[in-house]
């Protein structure tokens, strides 16, 4: 299994495809396989490096305080250890929050930046939602079941649950088949979401940036669109109609097509 030592932890990653490097940063509690539907297409154009963040998947889960800035430091150190001088960077939700810090602190490392379901700083509503997930995880004693019972309803629209129940069940089975952190590790990682504040970093981002949201997302809704697109120079905005927090699963074809168009425009 490919593992590198970076920033004093062992970081697990996988590599697929050929072309310029593209680093994909997972969302909360997820491992690198969360982008399986995207890598299938992205790998036709890019060398995709999918990584497990600190506290999740097969990467180390040390005690201590986790922050989105620390995750960015980890990814920068991973790139150094893996011999990736410069890469396109993409992340959804927590992965996007880490991506903001990465592009701001390490501009020479980031060729383009894709921020999906992102937010510049956690507000009271987002904090309340994440704290409810923490409560569910502690009550169930299982991060896997918390993701399915607690997070899924925030990620997908009511229409998807009603019209495609077998698809939801398939995604749940996928989650149950992945390596999952302990409740304690999840609390550390989710606390990084609660404390996230990169608003002052946005103006430091130099890379071409695409910002996307789901039309019906409540967690990171389009309330965050203007702060991101106003703060990041020349950022382009895409809103996926009929989607919630996870367009990467809700409308795979449209998500892949529109995000890949941005990525390929920035090759070279």
C-alpha atoms as a PDB file:
ATOM      1  CA  UNK A   1       0.000   0.000   0.000  1.00  0.00           C
ATOM      2  CA  UNK A   2       1.418   3.413  -0.932  1.00  0.00           C
ATOM      3  CA  UNK A   3       2.261   5.375   2.204  1.00  0.00           C
ATOM      4  CA  UNK A   4       4.603   8.329   2.689  1.00  0.00           C
ATOM      5  CA  UNK A   5       5.919   9.869   5.884  1.00  0.00           C
ATOM      6  CA  UNK A   6       5.024  13.556   5.920  1.00  0.00           C
ATOM      7  CA  UNK A   7       4.543  16.120   8.688  1.00  0.00           C
ATOM      8  CA  UNK A   8       5.295  13.405  11.268  1.00  0.00           C
ATOM      9  CA  UNK A   9       2.467  11.077  10.194  1.00  0.00           C
ATOM     10  CA  UNK A  10       2.075   8.224   7.707  1.00  0.00           C
ATOM     11  CA  UNK A  11      -0.227   9.360   4.902  1.00  0.00           C
ATOM     12  CA  UNK A  12      -1.986   6.796   2.719  1.00  0.00           C
ATOM     13  CA  UNK A  13      -2.693   7.609  -0.921  1.00  0.00           C
ATOM     14  CA  UNK A  14      -3.500   6.029  -4.272  1.00  0.00           C
ATOM     15  CA  UNK A  15      -2.472   7.040  -7.800  1.00  0.00           C
ATOM     16  CA  UNK A  16      -4.516   6.602 -10.978  1.00  0.00           C
ATOM     17  CA  UNK A  17      -4.233   7.930 -14.516  1.00  0.00           C
ATOM     18  CA  UNK A  18      -1.759   9.891 -16.611  1.00  0.00           C
ATOM     19  CA  UNK A  19      -1.175  13.597 -17.127  1.00  0.00           C
ATOM     20  CA  UNK A  20      -0.556  16.592 -14.898  1.00  0.00           C
ATOM     21  CA  UNK A  21      -0.933  15.794 -11.183  1.00  0.00           C
ATOM     22  CA  UNK A  22      -4.328  16.359  -9.551  1.00  0.00           C
ATOM     23  CA  UNK A  23      -4.568  16.038  -5.763  1.00  0.00           C
ATOM     24  CA  UNK A  24      -8.035  15.242  -4.406  1.00  0.00           C
ATOM     25  CA  UNK A  25      -8.682  15.981  -0.718  1.00  0.00           C
ATOM     26  CA  UNK A  26     -11.533  14.045   0.980  1.00  0.00           C
ATOM     27  CA  UNK A  27     -14.407  15.403   2.998  1.00  0.00           C
ATOM     28  CA  UNK A  28     -15.219  14.801   6.670  1.00  0.00           C
ATOM     29  CA  UNK A  29     -14.792  11.193   7.879  1.00  0.00           C
ATOM     30  CA  UNK A  30     -14.188   9.917   4.331  1.00  0.00           C
ATOM     31  CA  UNK A  31     -11.217   8.086   2.889  1.00  0.00           C
ATOM     32  CA  UNK A  32      -9.659   8.662  -0.518  1.00  0.00           C
ATOM     33  CA  UNK A  33     -12.116   6.333  -2.297  1.00  0.00           C
ATOM     34  CA  UNK A  34     -14.868   8.938  -1.858  1.00  0.00           C
ATOM     35  CA  UNK A  35     -13.915  10.358  -5.277  1.00  0.00           C
ATOM     36  CA  UNK A  36     -14.282   7.046  -7.140  1.00  0.00           C
ATOM     37  CA  UNK A  37     -16.947   8.451  -9.487  1.00  0.00           C
ATOM     38  CA  UNK A  38     -14.715  11.419 -10.358  1.00  0.00           C
ATOM     39  CA  UNK A  39     -11.379   9.627 -10.667  1.00  0.00           C
ATOM     40  CA  UNK A  40     -12.888   7.340 -13.292  1.00  0.00           C
ATOM     41  CA  UNK A  41     -13.161  10.382 -15.576  1.00  0.00           C
ATOM     42  CA  UNK A  42     -10.419  12.654 -14.243  1.00  0.00           C
ATOM     43  CA  UNK A  43      -7.786   9.919 -14.693  1.00  0.00           C
ATOM     44  CA  UNK A  44      -8.295  10.088 -18.459  1.00  0.00           C
ATOM     45  CA  UNK A  45      -6.656  13.525 -18.337  1.00  0.00           C
ATOM     46  CA  UNK A  46      -4.690  13.714 -15.060  1.00  0.00           C
ATOM     47  CA  UNK A  47      -2.534  11.682 -12.722  1.00  0.00           C
ATOM     48  CA  UNK A  48      -4.920  11.577  -9.766  1.00  0.00           C
ATOM     49  CA  UNK A  49      -3.465  11.444  -6.264  1.00  0.00           C
ATOM     50  CA  UNK A  50      -6.228  10.646  -3.774  1.00  0.00           C
ATOM     51  CA  UNK A  51      -5.146  10.973  -0.147  1.00  0.00           C
ATOM     52  CA  UNK A  52      -6.495  10.028   3.263  1.00  0.00           C
ATOM     53  CA  UNK A  53      -6.484  13.007   5.601  1.00  0.00           C
ATOM     54  CA  UNK A  54      -5.128  12.895   9.135  1.00  0.00           C
ATOM     55  CA  UNK A  55      -7.720  11.193  11.301  1.00  0.00           C
ATOM     56  CA  UNK A  56      -9.436   9.226   8.533  1.00  0.00           C
ATOM     57  CA  UNK A  57      -9.010   6.217   6.255  1.00  0.00           C
ATOM     58  CA  UNK A  58      -5.625   4.516   6.526  1.00  0.00           C
ATOM     59  CA  UNK A  59      -3.665   7.643   7.431  1.00  0.00           C
ATOM     60  CA  UNK A  60      -2.433   8.059  11.023  1.00  0.00           C
ATOM     61  CA  UNK A  61      -4.866   9.409  13.609  1.00  0.00           C
ATOM     62  CA  UNK A  62      -2.727  10.945  16.339  1.00  0.00           C
ATOM     63  CA  UNK A  63      -4.177  12.729  19.325  1.00  0.00           C
ATOM     64  CA  UNK A  64      -4.056  16.497  19.466  1.00  0.00           C
ATOM     65  CA  UNK A  65      -5.880  19.445  17.955  1.00  0.00           C
ATOM     66  CA  UNK A  66      -6.779  19.180  14.275  1.00  0.00           C
ATOM     67  CA  UNK A  67      -7.361  22.254  12.115  1.00  0.00           C
ATOM     68  CA  UNK A  68      -8.023  22.825   8.449  1.00  0.00           C
ATOM     69  CA  UNK A  69      -4.689  24.637   8.288  1.00  0.00           C
ATOM     70  CA  UNK A  70      -2.978  21.534   9.698  1.00  0.00           C
ATOM     71  CA  UNK A  71      -4.647  19.406   7.025  1.00  0.00           C
ATOM     72  CA  UNK A  72      -3.249  21.784   4.400  1.00  0.00           C
ATOM     73  CA  UNK A  73       0.212  21.495   5.941  1.00  0.00           C
ATOM     74  CA  UNK A  74      -0.154  17.711   5.788  1.00  0.00           C
ATOM     75  CA  UNK A  75      -1.098  17.791   2.100  1.00  0.00           C
ATOM     76  CA  UNK A  76       1.774  20.137   1.268  1.00  0.00           C
ATOM     77  CA  UNK A  77       4.173  17.803   3.083  1.00  0.00           C
ATOM     78  CA  UNK A  78       2.620  14.831   1.291  1.00  0.00           C
ATOM     79  CA  UNK A  79       3.233  16.504  -2.066  1.00  0.00           C
ATOM     80  CA  UNK A  80       6.847  17.126  -1.132  1.00  0.00           C
ATOM     81  CA  UNK A  81       7.358  13.529   0.005  1.00  0.00           C
ATOM     82  CA  UNK A  82       5.626  12.098  -3.061  1.00  0.00           C
ATOM     83  CA  UNK A  83       7.669  14.236  -5.453  1.00  0.00           C
ATOM     84  CA  UNK A  84       4.750  16.381  -6.615  1.00  0.00           C
ATOM     85  CA  UNK A  85       6.148  19.839  -7.250  1.00  0.00           C
ATOM     86  CA  UNK A  86       2.895  21.467  -8.350  1.00  0.00           C
ATOM     87  CA  UNK A  87      -0.620  20.122  -8.813  1.00  0.00           C
ATOM     88  CA  UNK A  88      -4.211  20.911  -9.514  1.00  0.00           C
ATOM     89  CA  UNK A  89      -6.042  20.665  -6.185  1.00  0.00           C
ATOM     90  CA  UNK A  90      -9.670  19.678  -5.653  1.00  0.00           C
ATOM     91  CA  UNK A  91     -11.715  19.144  -2.522  1.00  0.00           C
ATOM     92  CA  UNK A  92     -15.306  18.922  -1.348  1.00  0.00           C
ATOM     93  CA  UNK A  93     -16.539  20.298   1.974  1.00  0.00           C
ATOM     94  CA  UNK A  94     -13.732  19.679   4.519  1.00  0.00           C
ATOM     95  CA  UNK A  95     -11.457  18.915   1.562  1.00  0.00           C
ATOM     96  CA  UNK A  96     -12.278  22.315   0.108  1.00  0.00           C
ATOM     97  CA  UNK A  97     -11.611  24.028   3.432  1.00  0.00           C
ATOM     98  CA  UNK A  98      -8.158  22.437   3.500  1.00  0.00           C
ATOM     99  CA  UNK A  99      -7.714  23.412  -0.143  1.00  0.00           C
ATOM    100  CA  UNK A 100      -8.262  27.083   0.684  1.00  0.00           C
ATOM    101  CA  UNK A 101      -5.456  26.982   3.234  1.00  0.00           C
ATOM    102  CA  UNK A 102      -3.201  25.009   0.888  1.00  0.00           C
ATOM    103  CA  UNK A 103      -3.577  27.470  -1.983  1.00  0.00           C
ATOM    104  CA  UNK A 104      -3.123  30.469   0.334  1.00  0.00           C
ATOM    105  CA  UNK A 105      -0.079  29.178   2.246  1.00  0.00           C
ATOM    106  CA  UNK A 106       1.620  27.282  -0.574  1.00  0.00           C
ATOM    107  CA  UNK A 107       0.722  29.154  -3.771  1.00  0.00           C
ATOM    108  CA  UNK A 108       3.646  27.690  -5.697  1.00  0.00           C
ATOM    109  CA  UNK A 109       2.231  24.210  -5.103  1.00  0.00           C
ATOM    110  CA  UNK A 110      -1.255  24.859  -6.522  1.00  0.00           C
ATOM    111  CA  UNK A 111      -1.798  25.153 -10.272  1.00  0.00           C
ATOM    112  CA  UNK A 112      -5.592  25.337 -10.096  1.00  0.00           C
ATOM    113  CA  UNK A 113      -8.065  25.129  -7.232  1.00  0.00           C
ATOM    114  CA  UNK A 114     -11.463  23.436  -7.257  1.00  0.00           C
ATOM    115  CA  UNK A 115     -13.609  24.235  -4.215  1.00  0.00           C
ATOM    116  CA  UNK A 116     -16.822  22.227  -3.978  1.00  0.00           C
ATOM    117  CA  UNK A 117     -19.386  22.876  -1.207  1.00  0.00           C
ATOM    118  CA  UNK A 118     -16.834  25.151   0.443  1.00  0.00           C
ATOM    119  CA  UNK A 119     -17.084  27.876   3.047  1.00  0.00           C
ATOM    120  CA  UNK A 120     -14.620  30.568   4.178  1.00  0.00           C
ATOM    121  CA  UNK A 121     -15.403  30.446   7.909  1.00  0.00           C
ATOM    122  CA  UNK A 122     -17.778  28.402  10.030  1.00  0.00           C
ATOM    123  CA  UNK A 123     -20.928  30.233  11.117  1.00  0.00           C
ATOM    124  CA  UNK A 124     -23.360  29.426  13.933  1.00  0.00           C
ATOM    125  CA  UNK A 125     -25.595  27.295  11.697  1.00  0.00           C
ATOM    126  CA  UNK A 126     -22.797  25.110  10.355  1.00  0.00           C
ATOM    127  CA  UNK A 127     -21.395  24.738  13.859  1.00  0.00           C
ATOM    128  CA  UNK A 128     -24.774  23.523  15.134  1.00  0.00           C
ATOM    129  CA  UNK A 129     -25.059  20.964  12.324  1.00  0.00           C
ATOM    130  CA  UNK A 130     -21.593  19.520  12.906  1.00  0.00           C
ATOM    131  CA  UNK A 131     -22.127  19.398  16.666  1.00  0.00           C
ATOM    132  CA  UNK A 132     -25.281  17.359  16.012  1.00  0.00           C
ATOM    133  CA  UNK A 133     -23.185  14.878  13.999  1.00  0.00           C
ATOM    134  CA  UNK A 134     -20.779  14.626  16.904  1.00  0.00           C
ATOM    135  CA  UNK A 135     -23.686  13.867  19.240  1.00  0.00           C
ATOM    136  CA  UNK A 136     -25.007  11.163  16.899  1.00  0.00           C
ATOM    137  CA  UNK A 137     -21.544   9.576  16.545  1.00  0.00           C
ATOM    138  CA  UNK A 138     -21.134   9.429  20.317  1.00  0.00           C
ATOM    139  CA  UNK A 139     -24.659   8.096  20.802  1.00  0.00           C
ATOM    140  CA  UNK A 140     -24.334   5.359  18.187  1.00  0.00           C
ATOM    141  CA  UNK A 141     -20.705   4.611  18.996  1.00  0.00           C
ATOM    142  CA  UNK A 142     -20.102   4.270  15.259  1.00  0.00           C
ATOM    143  CA  UNK A 143     -18.820   6.811  12.757  1.00  0.00           C
ATOM    144  CA  UNK A 144     -19.995   4.631   9.884  1.00  0.00           C
ATOM    145  CA  UNK A 145     -23.606   4.591  11.040  1.00  0.00           C
ATOM    146  CA  UNK A 146     -23.424   8.287  11.963  1.00  0.00           C
ATOM    147  CA  UNK A 147     -22.413   9.086   8.376  1.00  0.00           C
ATOM    148  CA  UNK A 148     -25.343   7.084   6.982  1.00  0.00           C
ATOM    149  CA  UNK A 149     -27.981   8.140   9.510  1.00  0.00           C
ATOM    150  CA  UNK A 150     -26.703  11.613  10.400  1.00  0.00           C
ATOM    151  CA  UNK A 151     -24.788  13.072   7.464  1.00  0.00           C
ATOM    152  CA  UNK A 152     -26.467  11.458   4.430  1.00  0.00           C
ATOM    153  CA  UNK A 153     -29.741  13.409   4.828  1.00  0.00           C
ATOM    154  CA  UNK A 154     -27.765  16.655   4.645  1.00  0.00           C
ATOM    155  CA  UNK A 155     -25.894  15.490   1.536  1.00  0.00           C
ATOM    156  CA  UNK A 156     -28.790  14.373  -0.653  1.00  0.00           C
ATOM    157  CA  UNK A 157     -32.132  15.917  -1.585  1.00  0.00           C
ATOM    158  CA  UNK A 158     -35.476  14.499  -0.445  1.00  0.00           C
ATOM    159  CA  UNK A 159     -36.198  13.764  -4.096  1.00  0.00           C
ATOM    160  CA  UNK A 160     -33.148  11.511  -4.372  1.00  0.00           C
ATOM    161  CA  UNK A 161     -34.201   9.554  -1.281  1.00  0.00           C
ATOM    162  CA  UNK A 162     -37.729   9.118  -2.655  1.00  0.00           C
ATOM    163  CA  UNK A 163     -36.980   8.362  -6.305  1.00  0.00           C
ATOM    164  CA  UNK A 164     -33.725   6.395  -5.984  1.00  0.00           C
ATOM    165  CA  UNK A 165     -33.789   4.506  -2.667  1.00  0.00           C
ATOM    166  CA  UNK A 166     -31.660   1.698  -4.103  1.00  0.00           C
ATOM    167  CA  UNK A 167     -28.955   4.238  -4.991  1.00  0.00           C
ATOM    168  CA  UNK A 168     -28.949   5.594  -1.439  1.00  0.00           C
ATOM    169  CA  UNK A 169     -28.714   2.030  -0.129  1.00  0.00           C
ATOM    170  CA  UNK A 170     -25.800   1.376  -2.482  1.00  0.00           C
ATOM    171  CA  UNK A 171     -23.954   4.439  -1.197  1.00  0.00           C
ATOM    172  CA  UNK A 172     -24.591   3.261   2.367  1.00  0.00           C
ATOM    173  CA  UNK A 173     -23.146  -0.143   1.522  1.00  0.00           C
ATOM    174  CA  UNK A 174     -20.118   1.593   0.013  1.00  0.00           C
ATOM    175  CA  UNK A 175     -19.560   3.548   3.247  1.00  0.00           C
ATOM    176  CA  UNK A 176     -19.904   0.373   5.312  1.00  0.00           C
ATOM    177  CA  UNK A 177     -17.185  -1.218   3.211  1.00  0.00           C
ATOM    178  CA  UNK A 178     -14.618   1.529   3.759  1.00  0.00           C
ATOM    179  CA  UNK A 179     -12.104   1.912   6.623  1.00  0.00           C
ATOM    180  CA  UNK A 180     -13.616   4.207   9.233  1.00  0.00           C
ATOM    181  CA  UNK A 181     -12.046   6.087  12.114  1.00  0.00           C
ATOM    182  CA  UNK A 182     -12.956   5.787  15.767  1.00  0.00           C
ATOM    183  CA  UNK A 183     -15.448   8.179  17.302  1.00  0.00           C
ATOM    184  CA  UNK A 184     -12.558   9.933  19.051  1.00  0.00           C
ATOM    185  CA  UNK A 185     -10.708  10.507  15.767  1.00  0.00           C
ATOM    186  CA  UNK A 186     -13.923  11.760  14.160  1.00  0.00           C
ATOM    187  CA  UNK A 187     -14.391  14.264  16.964  1.00  0.00           C
ATOM    188  CA  UNK A 188     -10.896  15.617  16.360  1.00  0.00           C
ATOM    189  CA  UNK A 189     -11.478  15.893  12.618  1.00  0.00           C
ATOM    190  CA  UNK A 190     -14.939  17.423  12.963  1.00  0.00           C
ATOM    191  CA  UNK A 191     -13.636  19.978  15.461  1.00  0.00           C
ATOM    192  CA  UNK A 192     -11.483  21.248  12.604  1.00  0.00           C
ATOM    193  CA  UNK A 193     -14.689  21.965  10.700  1.00  0.00           C
ATOM    194  CA  UNK A 194     -16.159  23.828  13.665  1.00  0.00           C
ATOM    195  CA  UNK A 195     -13.066  26.024  14.104  1.00  0.00           C
ATOM    196  CA  UNK A 196     -12.432  26.605  10.380  1.00  0.00           C
ATOM    197  CA  UNK A 197     -11.757  30.257   9.555  1.00  0.00           C
ATOM    198  CA  UNK A 198      -9.815  31.030   6.395  1.00  0.00           C
ATOM    199  CA  UNK A 199     -11.653  34.215   5.450  1.00  0.00           C
ATOM    200  CA  UNK A 200      -8.486  36.296   5.777  1.00  0.00           C
ATOM    201  CA  UNK A 201      -6.622  33.869   3.515  1.00  0.00           C
ATOM    202  CA  UNK A 202      -8.817  34.188   0.429  1.00  0.00           C
ATOM    203  CA  UNK A 203      -6.980  37.184  -1.001  1.00  0.00           C
ATOM    204  CA  UNK A 204      -3.726  35.213  -0.871  1.00  0.00           C
ATOM    205  CA  UNK A 205      -4.995  32.663  -3.394  1.00  0.00           C
ATOM    206  CA  UNK A 206      -3.375  33.116  -6.787  1.00  0.00           C
ATOM    207  CA  UNK A 207      -4.461  29.954  -8.623  1.00  0.00           C
ATOM    208  CA  UNK A 208      -7.387  29.911 -11.054  1.00  0.00           C
ATOM    209  CA  UNK A 209     -10.325  28.838  -8.907  1.00  0.00           C
ATOM    210  CA  UNK A 210     -13.688  27.207  -9.501  1.00  0.00           C
ATOM    211  CA  UNK A 211     -16.272  27.424  -6.698  1.00  0.00           C
ATOM    212  CA  UNK A 212     -19.322  25.133  -6.830  1.00  0.00           C
ATOM    213  CA  UNK A 213     -22.423  24.598  -4.720  1.00  0.00           C
ATOM    214  CA  UNK A 214     -25.532  22.456  -4.760  1.00  0.00           C
ATOM    215  CA  UNK A 215     -28.677  24.507  -5.276  1.00  0.00           C
ATOM    216  CA  UNK A 216     -30.422  22.971  -2.266  1.00  0.00           C
ATOM    217  CA  UNK A 217     -27.437  22.583   0.058  1.00  0.00           C
ATOM    218  CA  UNK A 218     -28.187  23.828   3.557  1.00  0.00           C
ATOM    219  CA  UNK A 219     -24.889  22.987   5.260  1.00  0.00           C
ATOM    220  CA  UNK A 220     -22.653  25.010   2.953  1.00  0.00           C
ATOM    221  CA  UNK A 221     -25.318  26.832   1.012  1.00  0.00           C
ATOM    222  CA  UNK A 222     -24.904  29.589  -1.549  1.00  0.00           C
ATOM    223  CA  UNK A 223     -24.803  31.985   1.417  1.00  0.00           C
ATOM    224  CA  UNK A 224     -21.061  31.379   1.133  1.00  0.00           C
ATOM    225  CA  UNK A 225     -20.863  32.032  -2.621  1.00  0.00           C
ATOM    226  CA  UNK A 226     -20.309  35.787  -2.533  1.00  0.00           C
ATOM    227  CA  UNK A 227     -17.689  35.732   0.244  1.00  0.00           C
ATOM    228  CA  UNK A 228     -15.676  33.151  -1.725  1.00  0.00           C
ATOM    229  CA  UNK A 229     -16.012  34.625  -5.204  1.00  0.00           C
ATOM    230  CA  UNK A 230     -15.483  38.176  -3.940  1.00  0.00           C
ATOM    231  CA  UNK A 231     -12.493  37.121  -1.868  1.00  0.00           C
ATOM    232  CA  UNK A 232     -10.717  34.960  -4.461  1.00  0.00           C
ATOM    233  CA  UNK A 233      -9.606  36.876  -7.519  1.00  0.00           C
ATOM    234  CA  UNK A 234     -11.404  35.861 -10.736  1.00  0.00           C
ATOM    235  CA  UNK A 235     -13.052  32.819  -9.137  1.00  0.00           C
ATOM    236  CA  UNK A 236     -15.782  31.277 -11.263  1.00  0.00           C
ATOM    237  CA  UNK A 237     -19.056  30.088  -9.735  1.00  0.00           C
ATOM    238  CA  UNK A 238     -21.102  27.011 -10.668  1.00  0.00           C
ATOM    239  CA  UNK A 239     -24.379  26.009  -8.992  1.00  0.00           C
ATOM    240  CA  UNK A 240     -25.638  22.468  -9.599  1.00  0.00           C
ATOM    241  CA  UNK A 241     -29.402  22.605  -9.885  1.00  0.00           C
ATOM    242  CA  UNK A 242     -31.410  20.001  -8.038  1.00  0.00           C
ATOM    243  CA  UNK A 243     -28.467  18.998  -5.838  1.00  0.00           C
ATOM    244  CA  UNK A 244     -27.687  19.309  -2.150  1.00  0.00           C
ATOM    245  CA  UNK A 245     -24.285  19.066  -0.435  1.00  0.00           C
ATOM    246  CA  UNK A 246     -22.891  16.211  -2.541  1.00  0.00           C
ATOM    247  CA  UNK A 247     -23.338  16.800  -6.292  1.00  0.00           C
ATOM    248  CA  UNK A 248     -20.439  14.360  -6.785  1.00  0.00           C
ATOM    249  CA  UNK A 249     -23.004  11.606  -6.139  1.00  0.00           C
ATOM    250  CA  UNK A 250     -26.304  13.303  -6.918  1.00  0.00           C
ATOM    251  CA  UNK A 251     -25.524  14.253 -10.523  1.00  0.00           C
ATOM    252  CA  UNK A 252     -22.264  12.537 -11.390  1.00  0.00           C
ATOM    253  CA  UNK A 253     -22.342  13.220 -15.128  1.00  0.00           C
ATOM    254  CA  UNK A 254     -23.002  16.965 -14.843  1.00  0.00           C
ATOM    255  CA  UNK A 255     -20.549  17.379 -11.969  1.00  0.00           C
ATOM    256  CA  UNK A 256     -17.775  15.580 -13.815  1.00  0.00           C
ATOM    257  CA  UNK A 257     -18.400  17.391 -17.076  1.00  0.00           C
ATOM    258  CA  UNK A 258     -18.408  20.911 -15.624  1.00  0.00           C
ATOM    259  CA  UNK A 259     -15.529  20.413 -13.207  1.00  0.00           C
ATOM    260  CA  UNK A 260     -13.424  18.610 -15.786  1.00  0.00           C
ATOM    261  CA  UNK A 261     -13.981  21.474 -18.224  1.00  0.00           C
ATOM    262  CA  UNK A 262     -12.430  23.843 -15.677  1.00  0.00           C
ATOM    263  CA  UNK A 263      -9.545  21.506 -14.914  1.00  0.00           C
ATOM    264  CA  UNK A 264      -8.637  20.858 -18.538  1.00  0.00           C
ATOM    265  CA  UNK A 265      -8.734  24.596 -19.330  1.00  0.00           C
ATOM    266  CA  UNK A 266      -5.885  24.975 -16.851  1.00  0.00           C
ATOM    267  CA  UNK A 267      -3.630  22.256 -18.264  1.00  0.00           C
ATOM    268  CA  UNK A 268      -0.298  23.465 -19.597  1.00  0.00           C
END
